Protein backbone atom coordinates (compact mmCIF):
# COMPACT_ATOMS: atom_id res chain seq x y z
CA UNK A 1 0.00 0.00 0.00
CA UNK A 2 1.38 3.47 -0.87
CA UNK A 3 2.44 5.69 1.96
CA UNK A 4 0.26 8.50 3.20
CA UNK A 5 2.75 11.03 1.84
CA UNK A 6 2.53 9.54 -1.68
CA UNK A 7 -1.27 9.57 -1.55
CA UNK A 8 -1.33 13.22 -0.47
CA UNK A 9 1.10 14.13 -3.25
CA UNK A 10 -1.09 12.36 -5.81
CA UNK A 11 -4.18 14.12 -4.46
CA UNK A 12 -2.41 17.49 -4.67
CA UNK A 13 -1.39 16.86 -8.29
CA UNK A 14 -4.93 15.82 -9.18
CA UNK A 15 -6.39 18.91 -7.48
CA UNK A 16 -4.04 21.21 -9.39
CA UNK A 17 -4.94 19.49 -12.68
CA UNK A 18 -8.68 19.86 -12.03
CA UNK A 19 -8.29 23.50 -11.01
CA UNK A 20 -6.17 24.21 -14.08
CA UNK A 21 -8.78 22.65 -16.37
CA UNK A 22 -11.55 24.65 -14.69
CA UNK A 23 -9.66 27.94 -15.11
CA UNK A 24 -8.90 27.12 -18.74
CA UNK A 25 -12.57 26.46 -19.53
CA UNK A 26 -13.65 29.60 -17.66
CA UNK A 27 -11.18 31.74 -19.59
CA UNK A 28 -12.31 30.29 -22.92
CA UNK A 29 -15.92 31.05 -22.05
CA UNK A 30 -15.20 34.68 -21.16
CA UNK A 31 -12.66 35.51 -23.90
CA UNK A 32 -14.21 36.79 -27.13
CA UNK A 33 -13.11 34.93 -30.26
CA UNK A 34 -12.42 38.13 -32.19
CA UNK A 35 -11.31 41.19 -30.25
CA UNK A 36 -13.51 44.21 -31.04
CA UNK A 37 -10.52 46.32 -32.11
CA UNK A 38 -9.57 43.84 -34.83
CA UNK A 39 -13.07 42.97 -35.99
CA UNK A 40 -14.05 44.39 -39.34
CA UNK A 41 -16.93 46.83 -39.06
CA UNK A 42 -20.18 45.48 -40.45
CA UNK A 43 -21.87 47.56 -43.10
CA UNK A 44 -25.15 49.20 -42.11
CA UNK A 45 -28.20 47.12 -42.87
CA UNK A 46 -30.53 48.54 -45.47
CA UNK A 47 -33.97 47.21 -44.59
CA UNK A 48 -35.48 46.48 -48.00
CA UNK A 49 -37.20 43.07 -47.90
CA UNK A 50 -37.99 43.18 -51.63
CA UNK A 51 -34.45 43.95 -52.77
CA UNK A 52 -32.20 41.03 -53.67
CA UNK A 53 -29.14 42.85 -52.33
CA UNK A 54 -30.49 43.49 -48.82
CA UNK A 55 -28.94 40.34 -47.25
CA UNK A 56 -25.56 41.22 -48.76
CA UNK A 57 -25.73 44.79 -47.50
CA UNK A 58 -26.65 43.51 -44.02
CA UNK A 59 -23.47 41.43 -43.91
CA UNK A 60 -25.22 38.06 -44.22
CA UNK A 61 -23.87 35.48 -46.66
CA UNK A 62 -25.84 34.86 -49.81
PDB file of N, CA and C in Angstrom:
ATOM      1  N   UNK A   1       0.844  -1.178   0.000  1.00  0.00           N
ATOM      2  CA  UNK A   1       0.000   0.000   0.000  1.00  0.00           C
ATOM      3  C   UNK A   1       0.894   1.249   0.000  1.00  0.00           C
ATOM      4  N   UNK A   2       0.554   2.253  -0.819  1.00  0.00           N
ATOM      5  CA  UNK A   2       1.377   3.465  -0.868  1.00  0.00           C
ATOM      6  C   UNK A   2       1.337   4.214   0.465  1.00  0.00           C
ATOM      7  N   UNK A   3       2.382   4.933   0.711  1.00  0.00           N
ATOM      8  CA  UNK A   3       2.436   5.692   1.960  1.00  0.00           C
ATOM      9  C   UNK A   3       1.466   6.873   1.915  1.00  0.00           C
ATOM     10  N   UNK A   4       1.188   7.363   3.094  1.00  0.00           N
ATOM     11  CA  UNK A   4       0.264   8.503   3.199  1.00  0.00           C
ATOM     12  C   UNK A   4       0.815   9.716   2.451  1.00  0.00           C
ATOM     13  N   UNK A   5       2.114   9.890   2.517  1.00  0.00           N
ATOM     14  CA  UNK A   5       2.745  11.029   1.837  1.00  0.00           C
ATOM     15  C   UNK A   5       2.562  10.933   0.318  1.00  0.00           C
ATOM     16  N   UNK A   6       2.705   9.735  -0.238  1.00  0.00           N
ATOM     17  CA  UNK A   6       2.529   9.542  -1.678  1.00  0.00           C
ATOM     18  C   UNK A   6       1.077   9.790  -2.086  1.00  0.00           C
ATOM     19  N   UNK A   7       0.142   9.345  -1.251  1.00  0.00           N
ATOM     20  CA  UNK A   7      -1.271   9.573  -1.553  1.00  0.00           C
ATOM     21  C   UNK A   7      -1.614  11.066  -1.522  1.00  0.00           C
ATOM     22  N   UNK A   8      -1.072  11.788  -0.546  1.00  0.00           N
ATOM     23  CA  UNK A   8      -1.325  13.224  -0.474  1.00  0.00           C
ATOM     24  C   UNK A   8      -0.717  13.953  -1.669  1.00  0.00           C
ATOM     25  N   UNK A   9       0.456  13.517  -2.081  1.00  0.00           N
ATOM     26  CA  UNK A   9       1.099  14.131  -3.250  1.00  0.00           C
ATOM     27  C   UNK A   9       0.257  13.896  -4.503  1.00  0.00           C
ATOM     28  N   UNK A  10      -0.245  12.676  -4.660  1.00  0.00           N
ATOM     29  CA  UNK A  10      -1.092  12.356  -5.812  1.00  0.00           C
ATOM     30  C   UNK A  10      -2.376  13.177  -5.776  1.00  0.00           C
ATOM     31  N   UNK A  11      -2.956  13.328  -4.599  1.00  0.00           N
ATOM     32  CA  UNK A  11      -4.178  14.122  -4.462  1.00  0.00           C
ATOM     33  C   UNK A  11      -3.910  15.593  -4.782  1.00  0.00           C
ATOM     34  N   UNK A  12      -2.764  16.101  -4.362  1.00  0.00           N
ATOM     35  CA  UNK A  12      -2.406  17.488  -4.672  1.00  0.00           C
ATOM     36  C   UNK A  12      -2.247  17.693  -6.177  1.00  0.00           C
ATOM     37  N   UNK A  13      -1.582  16.760  -6.835  1.00  0.00           N
ATOM     38  CA  UNK A  13      -1.386  16.859  -8.286  1.00  0.00           C
ATOM     39  C   UNK A  13      -2.733  16.810  -9.001  1.00  0.00           C
ATOM     40  N   UNK A  14      -3.610  15.927  -8.560  1.00  0.00           N
ATOM     41  CA  UNK A  14      -4.933  15.822  -9.179  1.00  0.00           C
ATOM     42  C   UNK A  14      -5.740  17.103  -8.957  1.00  0.00           C
ATOM     43  N   UNK A  15      -5.647  17.676  -7.766  1.00  0.00           N
ATOM     44  CA  UNK A  15      -6.385  18.907  -7.475  1.00  0.00           C
ATOM     45  C   UNK A  15      -5.892  20.055  -8.349  1.00  0.00           C
ATOM     46  N   UNK A  16      -4.596  20.148  -8.541  1.00  0.00           N
ATOM     47  CA  UNK A  16      -4.040  21.206  -9.393  1.00  0.00           C
ATOM     48  C   UNK A  16      -4.482  21.005 -10.840  1.00  0.00           C
ATOM     49  N   UNK A  17      -4.513  19.766 -11.304  1.00  0.00           N
ATOM     50  CA  UNK A  17      -4.944  19.487 -12.677  1.00  0.00           C
ATOM     51  C   UNK A  17      -6.410  19.862 -12.883  1.00  0.00           C
ATOM     52  N   UNK A  18      -7.251  19.525 -11.923  1.00  0.00           N
ATOM     53  CA  UNK A  18      -8.677  19.855 -12.032  1.00  0.00           C
ATOM     54  C   UNK A  18      -8.874  21.372 -11.991  1.00  0.00           C
ATOM     55  N   UNK A  19      -8.183  22.043 -11.099  1.00  0.00           N
ATOM     56  CA  UNK A  19      -8.295  23.498 -11.005  1.00  0.00           C
ATOM     57  C   UNK A  19      -7.799  24.167 -12.284  1.00  0.00           C
ATOM     58  N   UNK A  20      -6.709  23.669 -12.836  1.00  0.00           N
ATOM     59  CA  UNK A  20      -6.170  24.215 -14.077  1.00  0.00           C
ATOM     60  C   UNK A  20      -7.157  24.050 -15.227  1.00  0.00           C
ATOM     61  N   UNK A  21      -7.786  22.889 -15.313  1.00  0.00           N
ATOM     62  CA  UNK A  21      -8.776  22.652 -16.371  1.00  0.00           C
ATOM     63  C   UNK A  21      -9.976  23.577 -16.191  1.00  0.00           C
ATOM     64  N   UNK A  22     -10.411  23.772 -14.961  1.00  0.00           N
ATOM     65  CA  UNK A  22     -11.548  24.653 -14.692  1.00  0.00           C
ATOM     66  C   UNK A  22     -11.235  26.093 -15.099  1.00  0.00           C
ATOM     67  N   UNK A  23     -10.058  26.573 -14.751  1.00  0.00           N
ATOM     68  CA  UNK A  23      -9.662  27.939 -15.106  1.00  0.00           C
ATOM     69  C   UNK A  23      -9.556  28.079 -16.620  1.00  0.00           C
ATOM     70  N   UNK A  24      -9.024  27.077 -17.284  1.00  0.00           N
ATOM     71  CA  UNK A  24      -8.900  27.118 -18.741  1.00  0.00           C
ATOM     72  C   UNK A  24     -10.266  27.226 -19.408  1.00  0.00           C
ATOM     73  N   UNK A  25     -11.219  26.421 -18.963  1.00  0.00           N
ATOM     74  CA  UNK A  25     -12.569  26.464 -19.534  1.00  0.00           C
ATOM     75  C   UNK A  25     -13.232  27.805 -19.228  1.00  0.00           C
ATOM     76  N   UNK A  26     -13.045  28.309 -18.022  1.00  0.00           N
ATOM     77  CA  UNK A  26     -13.647  29.595 -17.658  1.00  0.00           C
ATOM     78  C   UNK A  26     -13.075  30.725 -18.503  1.00  0.00           C
ATOM     79  N   UNK A  27     -11.780  30.694 -18.765  1.00  0.00           N
ATOM     80  CA  UNK A  27     -11.176  31.737 -19.591  1.00  0.00           C
ATOM     81  C   UNK A  27     -11.650  31.647 -21.031  1.00  0.00           C
ATOM     82  N   UNK A  28     -11.815  30.447 -21.552  1.00  0.00           N
ATOM     83  CA  UNK A  28     -12.308  30.290 -22.922  1.00  0.00           C
ATOM     84  C   UNK A  28     -13.734  30.802 -23.037  1.00  0.00           C
ATOM     85  N   UNK A  29     -14.522  30.621 -22.004  1.00  0.00           N
ATOM     86  CA  UNK A  29     -15.917  31.049 -22.047  1.00  0.00           C
ATOM     87  C   UNK A  29     -16.045  32.567 -21.963  1.00  0.00           C
ATOM     88  N   UNK A  30     -15.083  33.238 -21.338  1.00  0.00           N
ATOM     89  CA  UNK A  30     -15.196  34.682 -21.164  1.00  0.00           C
ATOM     90  C   UNK A  30     -14.370  35.472 -22.163  1.00  0.00           C
ATOM     91  N   UNK A  31     -13.505  34.817 -22.932  1.00  0.00           N
ATOM     92  CA  UNK A  31     -12.664  35.514 -23.899  1.00  0.00           C
ATOM     93  C   UNK A  31     -13.358  35.548 -25.250  1.00  0.00           C
ATOM     94  N   UNK A  32     -13.571  36.737 -25.815  1.00  0.00           N
ATOM     95  CA  UNK A  32     -14.208  36.786 -27.135  1.00  0.00           C
ATOM     96  C   UNK A  32     -13.296  36.185 -28.198  1.00  0.00           C
ATOM     97  N   UNK A  33     -13.903  35.554 -29.204  1.00  0.00           N
ATOM     98  CA  UNK A  33     -13.109  34.928 -30.257  1.00  0.00           C
ATOM     99  C   UNK A  33     -12.375  35.971 -31.088  1.00  0.00           C
ATOM    100  N   UNK A  34     -13.007  37.082 -31.367  1.00  0.00           N
ATOM    101  CA  UNK A  34     -12.420  38.127 -32.190  1.00  0.00           C
ATOM    102  C   UNK A  34     -12.448  39.429 -31.393  1.00  0.00           C
ATOM    103  N   UNK A  35     -11.297  39.952 -31.017  1.00  0.00           N
ATOM    104  CA  UNK A  35     -11.308  41.195 -30.247  1.00  0.00           C
ATOM    105  C   UNK A  35     -12.009  42.311 -31.021  1.00  0.00           C
ATOM    106  N   UNK A  36     -12.766  43.162 -30.348  1.00  0.00           N
ATOM    107  CA  UNK A  36     -13.507  44.215 -31.043  1.00  0.00           C
ATOM    108  C   UNK A  36     -12.613  45.150 -31.852  1.00  0.00           C
ATOM    109  N   UNK A  37     -11.385  45.391 -31.392  1.00  0.00           N
ATOM    110  CA  UNK A  37     -10.517  46.319 -32.105  1.00  0.00           C
ATOM    111  C   UNK A  37     -10.078  45.759 -33.455  1.00  0.00           C
ATOM    112  N   UNK A  38     -10.008  44.446 -33.581  1.00  0.00           N
ATOM    113  CA  UNK A  38      -9.568  43.835 -34.830  1.00  0.00           C
ATOM    114  C   UNK A  38     -10.731  43.418 -35.726  1.00  0.00           C
ATOM    115  N   UNK A  39     -11.916  43.424 -35.205  1.00  0.00           N
ATOM    116  CA  UNK A  39     -13.068  42.972 -35.987  1.00  0.00           C
ATOM    117  C   UNK A  39     -13.390  43.999 -37.067  1.00  0.00           C
ATOM    118  N   UNK A  40     -13.683  43.496 -38.247  1.00  0.00           N
ATOM    119  CA  UNK A  40     -14.052  44.385 -39.344  1.00  0.00           C
ATOM    120  C   UNK A  40     -15.432  44.969 -39.067  1.00  0.00           C
ATOM    121  N   UNK A  41     -15.608  46.250 -39.293  1.00  0.00           N
ATOM    122  CA  UNK A  41     -16.933  46.831 -39.063  1.00  0.00           C
ATOM    123  C   UNK A  41     -17.941  46.283 -40.061  1.00  0.00           C
ATOM    124  N   UNK A  42     -19.122  45.987 -39.570  1.00  0.00           N
ATOM    125  CA  UNK A  42     -20.183  45.476 -40.446  1.00  0.00           C
ATOM    126  C   UNK A  42     -20.852  46.648 -41.144  1.00  0.00           C
ATOM    127  N   UNK A  43     -21.187  46.475 -42.401  1.00  0.00           N
ATOM    128  CA  UNK A  43     -21.874  47.561 -43.103  1.00  0.00           C
ATOM    129  C   UNK A  43     -23.271  47.758 -42.519  1.00  0.00           C
ATOM    130  N   UNK A  44     -23.791  48.967 -42.618  1.00  0.00           N
ATOM    131  CA  UNK A  44     -25.145  49.197 -42.106  1.00  0.00           C
ATOM    132  C   UNK A  44     -26.163  48.396 -42.904  1.00  0.00           C
ATOM    133  N   UNK A  45     -27.170  47.933 -42.222  1.00  0.00           N
ATOM    134  CA  UNK A  45     -28.196  47.120 -42.865  1.00  0.00           C
ATOM    135  C   UNK A  45     -29.241  48.025 -43.503  1.00  0.00           C
ATOM    136  N   UNK A  46     -29.484  47.806 -44.767  1.00  0.00           N
ATOM    137  CA  UNK A  46     -30.534  48.540 -45.469  1.00  0.00           C
ATOM    138  C   UNK A  46     -31.764  47.647 -45.476  1.00  0.00           C
ATOM    139  N   UNK A  47     -32.781  48.046 -44.750  1.00  0.00           N
ATOM    140  CA  UNK A  47     -33.969  47.211 -44.591  1.00  0.00           C
ATOM    141  C   UNK A  47     -34.875  47.346 -45.808  1.00  0.00           C
ATOM    142  N   UNK A  48     -34.642  46.514 -46.798  1.00  0.00           N
ATOM    143  CA  UNK A  48     -35.478  46.481 -47.998  1.00  0.00           C
ATOM    144  C   UNK A  48     -35.793  45.020 -48.276  1.00  0.00           C
ATOM    145  N   UNK A  49     -36.917  44.507 -47.761  1.00  0.00           N
ATOM    146  CA  UNK A  49     -37.204  43.075 -47.900  1.00  0.00           C
ATOM    147  C   UNK A  49     -37.427  42.637 -49.344  1.00  0.00           C
ATOM    148  N   UNK A  50     -37.738  43.555 -50.237  1.00  0.00           N
ATOM    149  CA  UNK A  50     -37.988  43.176 -51.627  1.00  0.00           C
ATOM    150  C   UNK A  50     -36.676  43.085 -52.406  1.00  0.00           C
ATOM    151  N   UNK A  51     -35.711  43.894 -52.035  1.00  0.00           N
ATOM    152  CA  UNK A  51     -34.454  43.948 -52.772  1.00  0.00           C
ATOM    153  C   UNK A  51     -33.664  42.654 -52.611  1.00  0.00           C
ATOM    154  N   UNK A  52     -33.023  42.239 -53.686  1.00  0.00           N
ATOM    155  CA  UNK A  52     -32.201  41.028 -53.672  1.00  0.00           C
ATOM    156  C   UNK A  52     -30.865  41.281 -52.985  1.00  0.00           C
ATOM    157  N   UNK A  53     -30.445  42.531 -52.905  1.00  0.00           N
ATOM    158  CA  UNK A  53     -29.137  42.846 -52.334  1.00  0.00           C
ATOM    159  C   UNK A  53     -29.195  43.129 -50.838  1.00  0.00           C
ATOM    160  N   UNK A  54     -30.372  43.168 -50.245  1.00  0.00           N
ATOM    161  CA  UNK A  54     -30.485  43.492 -48.825  1.00  0.00           C
ATOM    162  C   UNK A  54     -29.690  42.544 -47.928  1.00  0.00           C
ATOM    163  N   UNK A  55     -29.737  41.209 -48.128  1.00  0.00           N
ATOM    164  CA  UNK A  55     -28.939  40.345 -47.250  1.00  0.00           C
ATOM    165  C   UNK A  55     -27.444  40.609 -47.376  1.00  0.00           C
ATOM    166  N   UNK A  56     -26.979  40.944 -48.570  1.00  0.00           N
ATOM    167  CA  UNK A  56     -25.558  41.220 -48.761  1.00  0.00           C
ATOM    168  C   UNK A  56     -25.186  42.513 -48.051  1.00  0.00           C
ATOM    169  N   UNK A  57     -26.021  43.520 -48.148  1.00  0.00           N
ATOM    170  CA  UNK A  57     -25.735  44.790 -47.495  1.00  0.00           C
ATOM    171  C   UNK A  57     -25.807  44.676 -45.976  1.00  0.00           C
ATOM    172  N   UNK A  58     -26.551  43.707 -45.466  1.00  0.00           N
ATOM    173  CA  UNK A  58     -26.646  43.508 -44.019  1.00  0.00           C
ATOM    174  C   UNK A  58     -25.476  42.698 -43.481  1.00  0.00           C
ATOM    175  N   UNK A  59     -24.617  42.205 -44.341  1.00  0.00           N
ATOM    176  CA  UNK A  59     -23.466  41.433 -43.913  1.00  0.00           C
ATOM    177  C   UNK A  59     -23.728  39.946 -43.848  1.00  0.00           C
ATOM    178  N   UNK A  60     -24.907  39.488 -44.247  1.00  0.00           N
ATOM    179  CA  UNK A  60     -25.224  38.058 -44.224  1.00  0.00           C
ATOM    180  C   UNK A  60     -24.725  37.409 -45.510  1.00  0.00           C
ATOM    181  N   UNK A  61     -24.305  36.157 -45.431  1.00  0.00           N
ATOM    182  CA  UNK A  61     -23.873  35.476 -46.660  1.00  0.00           C
ATOM    183  C   UNK A  61     -25.056  35.194 -47.571  1.00  0.00           C
ATOM    184  N   UNK A  62     -24.784  35.164 -48.836  1.00  0.00           N
ATOM    185  CA  UNK A  62     -25.845  34.863 -49.809  1.00  0.00           C
ATOM    186  C   UNK A  62     -26.070  33.388 -49.894  1.00  0.00           C
TER     187      UNK A  62
END
